[in-house]
Amino acid sequence: MNAFRKILLVEDDPRDYELTIAALGEVNLANEVVHAQDGVQALDYLYHRGAFANSLDQLPVVVLLDLKLPKINGLEVLERIKSDPEFKFVPVVILTSSREEEDLIRGYDLGVNAYVVKPVRFNEFAEAVKQIGLFWAIVNETPNAKSPRGSASLSAPS
């Protein structure tokens, strides 16, 4: 069941983060949103490192991933997620302002589940985020997440 697994939002722009949280709140999703401000924090969350070392969280129901991130960019994060068997079934939705064909092709080559260009107008942006949240957190079915991985020893490529 996906209903209460967390959503991982990887977004460095504070305004886009706030708009995304507001839009998800409007559809009353019960899923908690974990915020990573860069690619390193996103991977730290998934691999239970750094600030997330003591987390017992299950795999997220979906990862909402910006591309233009500091430290490690979104395509590199996507590549690491989709190349690790531990995260094979975690849906990743790129949510970006990039309309570059190269980014789109690379994202799908790496296994992204959806590529959504952020609309410029607030109402359109909010509507897109609502639809993404409802589909991936409620409608979409994924294989059962493993139980909390606190006892697992995971290592990730650096």
Protein backbone atom coordinates (compact mmCIF):
# COMPACT_ATOMS: atom_id res chain seq x y z
CA MET A 1 0.00 0.00 0.00
CA ASN A 2 1.40 3.39 -1.02
CA ALA A 3 -0.94 5.67 0.91
CA PHE A 4 1.35 6.73 3.72
CA ARG A 5 4.87 6.25 2.40
CA LYS A 6 6.75 9.51 2.16
CA ILE A 7 7.28 11.64 -0.92
CA LEU A 8 10.87 12.75 -1.51
CA LEU A 9 10.93 16.25 -3.01
CA VAL A 10 14.35 17.21 -4.35
CA GLU A 11 14.15 20.94 -5.02
CA ASP A 12 16.68 23.71 -4.41
CA ASP A 13 14.45 26.69 -5.25
CA PRO A 14 12.60 27.79 -2.08
CA ARG A 15 9.74 29.28 -4.10
CA ASP A 16 9.16 26.09 -6.11
CA TYR A 17 9.40 24.06 -2.90
CA GLU A 18 6.71 26.20 -1.22
CA LEU A 19 4.46 26.07 -4.29
CA THR A 20 4.80 22.29 -4.48
CA ILE A 21 4.00 21.83 -0.79
CA ALA A 22 0.99 24.15 -1.08
CA ALA A 23 -0.34 22.29 -4.12
CA LEU A 24 0.10 18.87 -2.48
CA GLY A 25 -1.65 20.23 0.62
CA GLU A 26 -4.65 21.28 -1.47
CA VAL A 27 -5.36 17.66 -2.42
CA ASN A 28 -5.07 16.54 1.22
CA LEU A 29 -2.48 13.84 0.68
CA ALA A 30 -1.63 12.15 3.96
CA ASN A 31 1.89 11.45 2.72
CA GLU A 32 4.63 13.35 4.51
CA VAL A 33 7.00 15.21 2.19
CA VAL A 34 10.73 14.97 2.86
CA HIS A 35 12.66 17.88 1.37
CA ALA A 36 16.17 17.52 -0.04
CA GLN A 37 17.72 20.77 -1.24
CA ASP A 38 20.40 19.18 -3.41
CA GLY A 39 21.43 15.89 -4.97
CA VAL A 40 23.68 14.92 -2.06
CA GLN A 41 20.83 15.29 0.46
CA ALA A 42 18.55 13.21 -1.79
CA LEU A 43 21.03 10.35 -1.89
CA ASP A 44 21.73 10.72 1.83
CA TYR A 45 18.01 10.25 2.49
CA LEU A 46 17.78 7.15 0.31
CA TYR A 47 20.95 5.58 1.72
CA HIS A 48 20.33 6.66 5.33
CA ARG A 49 23.51 8.72 5.54
CA GLY A 50 24.42 12.11 7.00
CA ALA A 51 21.44 13.87 8.58
CA PHE A 52 19.31 10.81 7.72
CA ALA A 53 21.67 8.20 9.22
CA ASN A 54 19.22 7.27 11.97
CA SER A 55 16.13 7.26 9.75
CA LEU A 56 14.11 4.08 9.57
CA ASP A 57 12.00 5.31 6.66
CA GLN A 58 10.79 2.96 3.98
CA LEU A 59 11.50 3.74 0.37
CA PRO A 60 9.55 6.80 -0.80
CA VAL A 61 6.32 6.32 -2.73
CA VAL A 62 7.73 8.71 -5.36
CA VAL A 63 10.72 10.99 -5.86
CA LEU A 64 9.94 14.42 -7.34
CA LEU A 65 13.27 15.46 -8.79
CA ASP A 66 14.44 18.82 -10.11
CA LEU A 67 17.30 18.69 -12.62
CA LYS A 68 19.20 21.88 -11.91
CA LEU A 69 20.53 21.07 -8.43
CA PRO A 70 23.69 22.04 -6.57
CA LYS A 71 26.38 19.49 -5.64
CA ILE A 72 24.96 16.59 -7.68
CA ASN A 73 22.53 17.41 -10.49
CA GLY A 74 19.19 15.69 -10.99
CA LEU A 75 20.28 13.47 -13.86
CA GLU A 76 23.18 12.14 -11.77
CA VAL A 77 20.78 11.46 -8.88
CA LEU A 78 18.42 9.68 -11.28
CA GLU A 79 21.28 7.59 -12.66
CA ARG A 80 22.32 6.48 -9.16
CA ILE A 81 18.74 5.68 -8.14
CA LYS A 82 17.91 3.65 -11.23
CA SER A 83 21.25 1.81 -11.33
CA ASP A 84 20.82 0.51 -7.76
CA PRO A 85 18.66 -2.63 -7.45
CA GLU A 86 17.52 -1.43 -4.00
CA PHE A 87 15.63 1.44 -5.66
CA LYS A 88 14.60 -0.25 -8.91
CA PHE A 89 10.87 0.15 -8.31
CA VAL A 90 10.88 3.64 -6.77
CA PRO A 91 9.05 5.93 -9.21
CA VAL A 92 10.99 9.07 -10.13
CA VAL A 93 9.26 12.05 -11.69
CA ILE A 94 11.47 14.79 -13.06
CA LEU A 95 9.82 18.12 -12.25
CA THR A 96 11.90 20.76 -13.96
CA SER A 97 11.91 24.01 -15.88
CA SER A 98 14.20 22.47 -18.52
CA ARG A 99 12.65 22.04 -21.93
CA GLU A 100 15.95 20.78 -23.35
CA GLU A 101 15.41 17.76 -25.59
CA GLU A 102 18.78 16.45 -24.40
CA ASP A 103 17.59 16.42 -20.75
CA LEU A 104 14.33 14.71 -21.73
CA ILE A 105 16.09 11.99 -23.72
CA ARG A 106 18.76 11.46 -21.05
CA GLY A 107 16.08 11.23 -18.34
CA TYR A 108 14.19 8.50 -20.17
CA ASP A 109 17.43 6.71 -21.06
CA LEU A 110 18.18 6.56 -17.33
CA GLY A 111 14.73 5.18 -16.47
CA VAL A 112 12.67 8.17 -15.32
CA ASN A 113 8.98 7.34 -14.90
CA ALA A 114 7.72 10.77 -16.01
CA TYR A 115 9.18 14.09 -17.16
CA VAL A 116 7.12 17.16 -16.32
CA VAL A 117 8.08 20.69 -17.30
CA LYS A 118 7.11 23.16 -14.57
CA PRO A 119 4.46 25.51 -15.91
CA VAL A 120 5.34 29.18 -15.43
CA ARG A 121 1.93 30.30 -14.15
CA PHE A 122 1.12 29.43 -10.54
CA ASN A 123 -2.33 27.93 -11.20
CA GLU A 124 -0.95 25.64 -13.92
CA PHE A 125 2.03 24.69 -11.75
CA ALA A 126 -0.26 23.89 -8.80
CA GLU A 127 -2.58 21.81 -10.98
CA ALA A 128 0.35 19.82 -12.42
CA VAL A 129 1.72 19.09 -8.94
CA LYS A 130 -1.73 18.04 -7.67
CA GLN A 131 -2.11 15.57 -10.52
CA ILE A 132 1.40 14.21 -10.00
CA GLY A 133 0.81 13.80 -6.27
CA LEU A 134 -2.55 12.08 -6.63
CA PHE A 135 -1.37 9.72 -9.33
CA TRP A 136 1.97 8.65 -7.89
CA ALA A 137 1.02 8.62 -4.19
CA ILE A 138 -2.52 7.21 -4.47
CA VAL A 139 -3.36 5.69 -7.85
CA ASN A 140 -0.06 4.12 -8.92
CA GLU A 141 0.78 0.71 -7.48
CA THR A 142 4.35 -0.36 -6.83
CA PRO A 143 5.70 -3.53 -5.29
CA ASN A 144 5.64 -3.44 -1.50
CA ALA A 145 8.37 -1.33 0.03
CA LYS A 146 10.75 -3.16 2.25
CA SER A 147 10.13 -2.76 5.93
CA PRO A 148 12.20 -0.04 7.59
CA ARG A 149 15.83 -0.56 6.71
CA GLY A 150 17.43 0.55 9.95
CA SER A 151 19.31 -2.70 10.35
CA ALA A 152 20.47 -2.87 6.76
CA SER A 153 23.96 -1.76 5.94
CA LEU A 154 23.84 0.07 2.66
CA SER A 155 26.59 1.74 0.77
CA ALA A 156 26.24 3.95 -2.26
CA PRO A 157 28.61 4.90 -4.98
CA SER A 158 30.24 8.23 -4.20
